[in-house]
Amino acid sequence: MKEIQQIEHEGIIKEIYSNNLKVSIIAKSACVSCQLKTSCSVSDVEEKIIDVSVNNPELYKQGELITVFYKQTLGYRALFLGYLLPFIIVFTILILTISITGNEGIAGLTALAALIPYYLILHFKKDKIRKTFSFSIKKLNIKPPLSGVNI
């Protein structure tokens, strides 16, 4: 049976409200783990705040360390909706409009204008999309250090 791959990030709970948690995750580029990062001027570490729906928010505490995860296939779907499909729309409309009118200026404006309905549809379907792209969380089993113990 094929194993479902997940993308995971460690995070910290910033806020708890109704059935949602605001979680801060640190997005790191590949440069961060590179041994030569000090000799390079590229630094790509960014804090992102995401909303995670939970059934039992009382099980979590503000400041608690957790792991946020989602299926890797959802990342591909987001890539398709955010980048590939708009590119296909623009390119198709551009080619069709140039072949019909022969005017590149009109074709370019028409191709860009074709994105307006696309993004309006995404905006009106955002609740359905949010349910599709939901994150899950699990608690990290990190035990606090023992105080007053000398080793």
Protein backbone atom coordinates (compact mmCIF):
# COMPACT_ATOMS: atom_id res chain seq x y z
CA MET A 1 0.00 0.00 0.00
CA LYS A 2 1.31 3.44 -0.89
CA GLU A 3 2.22 5.65 2.06
CA ILE A 4 0.65 9.13 2.13
CA GLN A 5 3.38 11.72 2.41
CA GLN A 6 2.85 14.72 4.63
CA ILE A 7 4.49 18.09 4.93
CA GLU A 8 5.18 19.00 8.55
CA HIS A 9 6.28 22.17 10.33
CA GLU A 10 6.81 22.81 14.00
CA GLY A 11 4.80 25.71 15.32
CA ILE A 12 3.77 27.64 18.39
CA ILE A 13 0.17 28.41 19.29
CA LYS A 14 -0.21 32.20 19.34
CA GLU A 15 -3.97 32.54 19.93
CA ILE A 16 -6.94 30.34 20.71
CA TYR A 17 -10.43 31.45 19.67
CA SER A 18 -13.69 29.49 19.24
CA ASN A 19 -12.67 26.33 17.31
CA ASN A 20 -9.55 27.81 15.71
CA LEU A 21 -5.93 28.20 16.65
CA LYS A 22 -3.55 30.81 15.26
CA VAL A 23 -0.24 29.02 14.86
CA SER A 24 3.10 30.62 14.09
CA ILE A 25 5.42 28.55 11.92
CA ILE A 26 8.89 29.41 10.69
CA ALA A 27 9.24 28.89 6.93
CA LYS A 28 12.84 28.21 6.04
CA SER A 29 14.49 27.99 2.66
CA ALA A 30 17.03 25.32 1.82
CA CYS A 31 19.75 27.89 2.53
CA VAL A 32 19.07 27.79 6.25
CA SER A 33 20.33 24.23 6.60
CA CYS A 34 23.32 24.80 4.32
CA GLN A 35 26.76 24.73 5.94
CA LEU A 36 27.90 27.68 3.81
CA LYS A 37 25.04 29.99 4.77
CA THR A 38 27.34 32.35 6.72
CA SER A 39 29.37 33.11 3.62
CA CYS A 40 26.24 33.85 1.60
CA SER A 41 24.04 36.94 1.87
CA VAL A 42 20.82 35.03 1.27
CA SER A 43 18.66 34.68 4.34
CA ASP A 44 15.19 33.35 3.75
CA VAL A 45 13.52 32.70 7.10
CA GLU A 46 10.00 33.98 7.48
CA GLU A 47 7.36 33.66 10.20
CA LYS A 48 3.91 32.72 8.94
CA ILE A 49 0.67 32.71 10.89
CA ILE A 50 -1.88 30.09 9.85
CA ASP A 51 -5.34 29.20 11.12
CA VAL A 52 -5.99 25.62 12.16
CA SER A 53 -9.50 24.35 12.91
CA VAL A 54 -9.76 22.01 15.88
CA ASN A 55 -12.64 20.20 17.56
CA ASN A 56 -11.38 20.61 21.13
CA PRO A 57 -9.57 23.93 21.55
CA GLU A 58 -9.51 23.48 25.33
CA LEU A 59 -6.86 20.76 24.90
CA TYR A 60 -4.33 23.35 23.74
CA LYS A 61 -2.55 26.20 25.50
CA GLN A 62 -1.16 29.45 24.19
CA GLY A 63 2.61 29.13 23.66
CA GLU A 64 2.46 25.34 23.30
CA LEU A 65 4.73 23.64 20.74
CA ILE A 66 2.86 21.62 18.12
CA THR A 67 3.41 20.09 14.70
CA VAL A 68 1.29 21.37 11.81
CA PHE A 69 0.89 19.01 8.87
CA TYR A 70 -1.04 18.47 5.67
CA LYS A 71 -0.95 16.02 2.79
CA GLN A 72 1.69 16.68 0.16
CA THR A 73 -0.93 16.29 -2.58
CA LEU A 74 -2.65 19.41 -1.26
CA GLY A 75 0.54 21.35 -1.96
CA TYR A 76 0.40 20.24 -5.58
CA ARG A 77 -3.26 21.24 -5.82
CA ALA A 78 -2.46 24.68 -4.39
CA LEU A 79 0.38 25.04 -6.88
CA PHE A 80 -2.01 24.19 -9.70
CA LEU A 81 -4.71 26.66 -8.58
CA GLY A 82 -2.29 29.46 -7.75
CA TYR A 83 0.21 29.30 -10.60
CA LEU A 84 -0.40 26.73 -13.32
CA LEU A 85 -4.09 27.28 -14.07
CA PRO A 86 -3.78 31.11 -14.25
CA PHE A 87 -0.79 30.67 -16.60
CA ILE A 88 -2.80 28.33 -18.83
CA ILE A 89 -5.71 30.81 -18.90
CA VAL A 90 -3.47 33.77 -19.78
CA PHE A 91 -1.50 31.86 -22.41
CA THR A 92 -4.62 30.40 -24.07
CA ILE A 93 -6.46 33.73 -24.19
CA LEU A 94 -3.33 35.46 -25.46
CA ILE A 95 -2.86 33.00 -28.34
CA LEU A 96 -6.56 32.99 -29.26
CA THR A 97 -6.86 36.78 -29.19
CA ILE A 98 -3.71 37.30 -31.28
CA SER A 99 -4.93 34.79 -33.86
CA ILE A 100 -8.37 36.47 -34.04
CA THR A 101 -7.43 40.17 -33.89
CA GLY A 102 -3.76 40.22 -34.86
CA ASN A 103 -3.24 43.01 -32.31
CA GLU A 104 -0.74 42.16 -29.56
CA GLY A 105 -1.77 45.04 -27.30
CA ILE A 106 -5.42 44.02 -27.25
CA ALA A 107 -4.39 40.38 -26.82
CA GLY A 108 -2.24 41.19 -23.80
CA LEU A 109 -4.92 43.26 -22.11
CA THR A 110 -7.57 40.64 -22.84
CA ALA A 111 -5.39 37.87 -21.44
CA LEU A 112 -4.78 39.82 -18.23
CA ALA A 113 -8.47 40.74 -17.97
CA ALA A 114 -9.34 37.04 -18.24
CA LEU A 115 -7.81 36.56 -14.79
CA ILE A 116 -10.41 38.82 -13.16
CA PRO A 117 -13.24 36.25 -13.39
CA TYR A 118 -10.84 33.48 -12.35
CA TYR A 119 -9.82 35.24 -9.15
CA LEU A 120 -13.42 36.30 -8.47
CA ILE A 121 -14.46 32.65 -8.65
CA LEU A 122 -11.66 31.74 -6.25
CA HIS A 123 -12.77 34.52 -3.91
CA PHE A 124 -16.39 33.35 -3.84
CA LYS A 125 -15.33 29.72 -3.36
CA LYS A 126 -12.84 30.52 -0.57
CA ASP A 127 -14.84 28.74 2.15
CA LYS A 128 -14.90 25.52 0.13
CA ILE A 129 -11.21 25.92 -0.71
CA ARG A 130 -10.40 26.56 2.97
CA LYS A 131 -12.05 23.26 3.91
CA THR A 132 -10.07 21.44 1.22
CA PHE A 133 -6.75 22.96 2.30
CA SER A 134 -7.16 22.45 6.02
CA PHE A 135 -4.17 21.84 8.28
CA SER A 136 -4.05 19.27 11.04
CA ILE A 137 -2.02 19.46 14.23
CA LYS A 138 -0.53 17.12 16.77
CA LYS A 139 1.03 17.87 20.11
CA LEU A 140 4.75 17.51 20.56
CA ASN A 141 5.65 15.33 23.51
CA ILE A 142 8.38 17.56 24.89
CA LYS A 143 8.89 17.21 28.58
CA PRO A 144 9.95 20.32 30.52
CA PRO A 145 13.43 20.17 32.08
CA LEU A 146 13.63 19.12 35.71
CA SER A 147 14.32 22.06 37.96
CA GLY A 148 16.64 21.88 40.93
CA VAL A 149 18.42 18.74 39.77
CA ASN A 150 22.21 18.93 39.62
CA ILE A 151 23.99 16.46 37.42
